[in-house]
Amino acid sequence: LQVILHPLLLQKLNSLRNKIGNPIIVTSGYRCTVHNRELGGVKGSYHLFGMAADIYAPKIALKELLKSAEEIGFSGIGYYPENNFLHLDIRLAGPARWQG
């Protein structure tokens, strides 16, 4: 089994954890193409390249986590309040924000 994790993603996740002073739970990180398809992930997802993670932080409101992720400088941020998680990525194509 091969797992890919971009070092910049790890660095930013660690910075986010330090900023909020609480653990971060990664619910989805690197995905192979089969698993990405099973989850309904988009073709070319940053998860396929180890450049994205879906996360939440116990005891931290999702809006507070969102604000902190923006301050850390994640370039892609998806806000999913109904499922209580953020999609964070380090895309190079410029910033992207969306709500799911």
N, C-alpha and C. Protein backbone atom coordinates (compact mmCIF):
# COMPACT_ATOMS: atom_id res chain seq x y z
N LEU A 1 0.85 -1.18 0.00
CA LEU A 1 0.00 0.00 0.00
C LEU A 1 0.89 1.24 0.00
N GLN A 2 0.61 2.14 -0.91
CA GLN A 2 1.39 3.37 -1.00
C GLN A 2 0.50 4.54 -0.59
N VAL A 3 0.99 5.36 0.31
CA VAL A 3 0.27 6.56 0.74
C VAL A 3 1.14 7.76 0.40
N ILE A 4 0.52 8.72 -0.24
CA ILE A 4 1.24 9.92 -0.65
C ILE A 4 0.75 11.08 0.21
N LEU A 5 1.68 11.86 0.73
CA LEU A 5 1.33 13.04 1.51
C LEU A 5 2.32 14.14 1.16
N HIS A 6 1.81 15.20 0.61
CA HIS A 6 2.67 16.32 0.24
C HIS A 6 3.19 16.98 1.52
N PRO A 7 4.49 17.24 1.62
CA PRO A 7 5.06 17.83 2.83
C PRO A 7 4.44 19.18 3.21
N LEU A 8 4.05 19.98 2.22
CA LEU A 8 3.44 21.28 2.54
C LEU A 8 2.07 21.09 3.20
N LEU A 9 1.31 20.09 2.78
CA LEU A 9 0.02 19.82 3.42
C LEU A 9 0.25 19.45 4.87
N LEU A 10 1.18 18.58 5.13
CA LEU A 10 1.49 18.17 6.51
C LEU A 10 1.92 19.38 7.33
N GLN A 11 2.77 20.23 6.77
CA GLN A 11 3.23 21.42 7.48
C GLN A 11 2.06 22.34 7.84
N LYS A 12 1.16 22.57 6.89
CA LYS A 12 0.02 23.45 7.14
C LYS A 12 -0.96 22.84 8.14
N LEU A 13 -1.20 21.53 8.06
CA LEU A 13 -2.07 20.88 9.05
C LEU A 13 -1.47 20.98 10.44
N ASN A 14 -0.17 20.81 10.54
CA ASN A 14 0.50 20.93 11.84
C ASN A 14 0.41 22.37 12.36
N SER A 15 0.57 23.34 11.48
CA SER A 15 0.44 24.75 11.88
C SER A 15 -0.98 25.04 12.37
N LEU A 16 -1.97 24.46 11.69
CA LEU A 16 -3.35 24.64 12.10
C LEU A 16 -3.59 24.03 13.48
N ARG A 17 -3.08 22.84 13.68
CA ARG A 17 -3.22 22.18 14.99
C ARG A 17 -2.59 23.03 16.09
N ASN A 18 -1.41 23.56 15.83
CA ASN A 18 -0.76 24.41 16.83
C ASN A 18 -1.54 25.69 17.07
N LYS A 19 -2.11 26.26 16.02
CA LYS A 19 -2.86 27.51 16.15
C LYS A 19 -4.10 27.34 17.02
N ILE A 20 -4.84 26.24 16.81
CA ILE A 20 -6.07 26.06 17.57
C ILE A 20 -5.82 25.40 18.93
N GLY A 21 -4.64 24.82 19.11
CA GLY A 21 -4.30 24.19 20.39
C GLY A 21 -5.11 22.95 20.71
N ASN A 22 -5.57 22.26 19.67
CA ASN A 22 -6.36 21.05 19.83
C ASN A 22 -6.01 20.07 18.72
N PRO A 23 -6.32 18.79 18.94
CA PRO A 23 -6.08 17.80 17.89
C PRO A 23 -6.94 18.07 16.67
N ILE A 24 -6.46 17.63 15.52
CA ILE A 24 -7.21 17.66 14.27
C ILE A 24 -7.43 16.22 13.86
N ILE A 25 -8.65 15.90 13.50
CA ILE A 25 -8.98 14.56 13.04
C ILE A 25 -9.09 14.59 11.52
N VAL A 26 -8.27 13.78 10.85
CA VAL A 26 -8.32 13.67 9.39
C VAL A 26 -9.24 12.51 9.06
N THR A 27 -10.35 12.82 8.40
CA THR A 27 -11.31 11.77 8.04
C THR A 27 -11.06 11.22 6.64
N SER A 28 -10.37 12.01 5.81
CA SER A 28 -10.01 11.54 4.48
C SER A 28 -8.77 12.31 4.03
N GLY A 29 -7.75 11.58 3.67
CA GLY A 29 -6.51 12.20 3.20
C GLY A 29 -6.23 11.71 1.78
N TYR A 30 -5.08 11.07 1.61
CA TYR A 30 -4.74 10.50 0.30
C TYR A 30 -5.78 9.45 -0.07
N ARG A 31 -6.19 9.46 -1.34
CA ARG A 31 -7.12 8.46 -1.86
C ARG A 31 -6.58 7.90 -3.17
N CYS A 32 -6.68 6.60 -3.33
CA CYS A 32 -6.41 6.01 -4.65
C CYS A 32 -7.62 6.31 -5.54
N THR A 33 -7.48 6.11 -6.84
CA THR A 33 -8.56 6.46 -7.76
C THR A 33 -9.83 5.65 -7.50
N VAL A 34 -9.69 4.39 -7.11
CA VAL A 34 -10.87 3.56 -6.85
C VAL A 34 -11.64 4.09 -5.64
N HIS A 35 -10.93 4.37 -4.56
CA HIS A 35 -11.59 4.87 -3.34
C HIS A 35 -12.19 6.25 -3.59
N ASN A 36 -11.49 7.08 -4.32
CA ASN A 36 -12.01 8.41 -4.64
C ASN A 36 -13.32 8.30 -5.40
N ARG A 37 -13.38 7.40 -6.35
CA ARG A 37 -14.60 7.18 -7.13
C ARG A 37 -15.72 6.65 -6.23
N GLU A 38 -15.39 5.71 -5.33
CA GLU A 38 -16.39 5.15 -4.41
C GLU A 38 -16.99 6.22 -3.51
N LEU A 39 -16.19 7.20 -3.15
CA LEU A 39 -16.67 8.29 -2.28
C LEU A 39 -17.38 9.40 -3.05
N GLY A 40 -17.39 9.29 -4.37
CA GLY A 40 -18.01 10.34 -5.17
C GLY A 40 -17.10 11.54 -5.36
N GLY A 41 -15.80 11.34 -5.15
CA GLY A 41 -14.83 12.42 -5.35
C GLY A 41 -14.71 12.81 -6.81
N VAL A 42 -14.35 14.05 -7.04
CA VAL A 42 -14.24 14.55 -8.40
C VAL A 42 -12.99 14.00 -9.08
N LYS A 43 -13.06 13.89 -10.40
CA LYS A 43 -11.90 13.47 -11.19
C LYS A 43 -10.83 14.55 -11.01
N GLY A 44 -9.61 14.14 -10.76
CA GLY A 44 -8.52 15.09 -10.57
C GLY A 44 -8.48 15.68 -9.17
N SER A 45 -9.21 15.08 -8.23
CA SER A 45 -9.24 15.54 -6.85
C SER A 45 -7.83 15.70 -6.28
N TYR A 46 -7.63 16.71 -5.47
CA TYR A 46 -6.34 16.90 -4.82
C TYR A 46 -6.04 15.78 -3.83
N HIS A 47 -7.06 15.04 -3.39
CA HIS A 47 -6.83 13.87 -2.54
C HIS A 47 -5.99 12.83 -3.27
N LEU A 48 -6.13 12.74 -4.59
CA LEU A 48 -5.39 11.75 -5.37
C LEU A 48 -3.89 12.00 -5.39
N PHE A 49 -3.50 13.21 -5.06
CA PHE A 49 -2.08 13.60 -5.12
C PHE A 49 -1.50 13.86 -3.73
N GLY A 50 -2.26 13.53 -2.69
CA GLY A 50 -1.79 13.77 -1.32
C GLY A 50 -1.73 15.24 -0.97
N MET A 51 -2.54 16.03 -1.66
CA MET A 51 -2.53 17.49 -1.46
C MET A 51 -3.80 18.00 -0.79
N ALA A 52 -4.63 17.10 -0.22
CA ALA A 52 -5.88 17.51 0.40
C ALA A 52 -6.20 16.62 1.60
N ALA A 53 -6.94 17.18 2.53
CA ALA A 53 -7.43 16.43 3.69
C ALA A 53 -8.79 16.98 4.09
N ASP A 54 -9.68 16.09 4.48
CA ASP A 54 -10.94 16.47 5.08
C ASP A 54 -10.76 16.32 6.58
N ILE A 55 -11.12 17.37 7.32
CA ILE A 55 -10.79 17.38 8.75
C ILE A 55 -11.93 17.96 9.60
N TYR A 56 -11.84 17.68 10.89
CA TYR A 56 -12.61 18.41 11.89
C TYR A 56 -11.76 18.43 13.15
N ALA A 57 -12.14 19.26 14.10
CA ALA A 57 -11.41 19.35 15.37
C ALA A 57 -12.42 19.29 16.51
N PRO A 58 -12.34 18.25 17.34
CA PRO A 58 -13.25 18.17 18.48
C PRO A 58 -13.12 19.42 19.36
N LYS A 59 -14.21 19.88 19.89
CA LYS A 59 -14.26 21.02 20.81
C LYS A 59 -14.03 22.37 20.13
N ILE A 60 -13.88 22.39 18.80
CA ILE A 60 -13.68 23.65 18.06
C ILE A 60 -14.84 23.81 17.09
N ALA A 61 -15.52 24.94 17.16
CA ALA A 61 -16.61 25.21 16.22
C ALA A 61 -16.06 25.23 14.80
N LEU A 62 -16.83 24.71 13.87
CA LEU A 62 -16.37 24.61 12.49
C LEU A 62 -16.05 25.99 11.90
N LYS A 63 -16.83 27.00 12.24
CA LYS A 63 -16.56 28.35 11.73
C LYS A 63 -15.23 28.88 12.27
N GLU A 64 -14.91 28.56 13.51
CA GLU A 64 -13.63 28.96 14.09
C GLU A 64 -12.48 28.23 13.39
N LEU A 65 -12.68 26.95 13.11
CA LEU A 65 -11.67 26.16 12.40
C LEU A 65 -11.47 26.71 10.99
N LEU A 66 -12.57 27.09 10.34
CA LEU A 66 -12.51 27.70 9.01
C LEU A 66 -11.67 28.98 9.03
N LYS A 67 -11.94 29.85 9.99
CA LYS A 67 -11.19 31.11 10.11
C LYS A 67 -9.70 30.84 10.30
N SER A 68 -9.38 29.89 11.15
CA SER A 68 -7.98 29.56 11.41
C SER A 68 -7.31 28.97 10.17
N ALA A 69 -8.03 28.13 9.42
CA ALA A 69 -7.48 27.55 8.19
C ALA A 69 -7.19 28.64 7.16
N GLU A 70 -8.06 29.63 7.08
CA GLU A 70 -7.82 30.75 6.16
C GLU A 70 -6.58 31.54 6.59
N GLU A 71 -6.42 31.74 7.89
CA GLU A 71 -5.25 32.47 8.40
C GLU A 71 -3.95 31.70 8.14
N ILE A 72 -4.01 30.38 8.18
CA ILE A 72 -2.83 29.55 7.90
C ILE A 72 -2.45 29.63 6.42
N GLY A 73 -3.44 29.85 5.55
CA GLY A 73 -3.15 30.01 4.13
C GLY A 73 -3.41 28.80 3.25
N PHE A 74 -4.36 27.94 3.63
CA PHE A 74 -4.76 26.86 2.73
C PHE A 74 -5.36 27.50 1.49
N SER A 75 -4.97 27.02 0.32
CA SER A 75 -5.45 27.66 -0.92
C SER A 75 -6.84 27.17 -1.31
N GLY A 76 -7.19 25.94 -0.98
CA GLY A 76 -8.53 25.43 -1.25
C GLY A 76 -9.22 25.09 0.06
N ILE A 77 -10.40 25.66 0.27
CA ILE A 77 -11.15 25.38 1.49
C ILE A 77 -12.61 25.15 1.14
N GLY A 78 -13.08 23.95 1.45
CA GLY A 78 -14.49 23.63 1.31
C GLY A 78 -15.11 23.53 2.69
N TYR A 79 -16.24 24.20 2.88
CA TYR A 79 -16.92 24.28 4.18
C TYR A 79 -18.17 23.41 4.11
N TYR A 80 -18.24 22.38 4.95
CA TYR A 80 -19.34 21.43 4.94
C TYR A 80 -20.00 21.37 6.32
N PRO A 81 -20.80 22.39 6.67
CA PRO A 81 -21.37 22.46 8.01
C PRO A 81 -22.34 21.33 8.35
N GLU A 82 -23.06 20.82 7.37
CA GLU A 82 -24.02 19.75 7.66
C GLU A 82 -23.33 18.46 8.06
N ASN A 83 -22.12 18.25 7.57
CA ASN A 83 -21.34 17.06 7.91
C ASN A 83 -20.20 17.36 8.87
N ASN A 84 -20.09 18.62 9.30
CA ASN A 84 -19.11 19.07 10.28
C ASN A 84 -17.66 18.76 9.89
N PHE A 85 -17.28 19.15 8.67
CA PHE A 85 -15.88 19.02 8.30
C PHE A 85 -15.48 20.10 7.31
N LEU A 86 -14.17 20.29 7.20
CA LEU A 86 -13.57 21.16 6.19
C LEU A 86 -12.76 20.31 5.24
N HIS A 87 -12.80 20.66 3.96
CA HIS A 87 -11.85 20.13 2.98
C HIS A 87 -10.76 21.19 2.88
N LEU A 88 -9.52 20.80 3.08
CA LEU A 88 -8.39 21.73 2.98
C LEU A 88 -7.42 21.19 1.94
N ASP A 89 -6.94 22.06 1.06
CA ASP A 89 -5.94 21.61 0.10
C ASP A 89 -4.92 22.70 -0.17
N ILE A 90 -3.89 22.30 -0.88
CA ILE A 90 -2.76 23.20 -1.18
C ILE A 90 -2.62 23.38 -2.68
N ARG A 91 -3.75 23.55 -3.35
CA ARG A 91 -3.74 23.73 -4.82
C ARG A 91 -2.84 24.90 -5.21
N LEU A 92 -2.25 24.80 -6.36
CA LEU A 92 -1.35 25.83 -6.86
C LEU A 92 -2.05 26.82 -7.78
N ALA A 93 -3.27 26.48 -8.21
CA ALA A 93 -3.99 27.28 -9.20
C ALA A 93 -4.61 28.55 -8.62
N GLY A 94 -4.36 28.85 -7.38
CA GLY A 94 -4.96 30.03 -6.77
C GLY A 94 -6.07 29.64 -5.81
N PRO A 95 -6.52 30.59 -5.01
CA PRO A 95 -7.50 30.26 -3.96
C PRO A 95 -8.86 29.84 -4.50
N ALA A 96 -9.49 28.93 -3.77
CA ALA A 96 -10.85 28.48 -4.08
C ALA A 96 -11.57 28.27 -2.76
N ARG A 97 -12.82 28.75 -2.71
CA ARG A 97 -13.67 28.59 -1.54
C ARG A 97 -15.03 28.11 -2.00
N TRP A 98 -15.61 27.16 -1.26
CA TRP A 98 -16.95 26.69 -1.59
C TRP A 98 -17.61 26.11 -0.35
N GLN A 99 -18.92 25.99 -0.43
CA GLN A 99 -19.68 25.37 0.65
C GLN A 99 -20.46 24.20 0.07
N GLY A 100 -20.42 23.08 0.80
CA GLY A 100 -21.10 21.89 0.32
C GLY A 100 -22.22 21.48 1.23
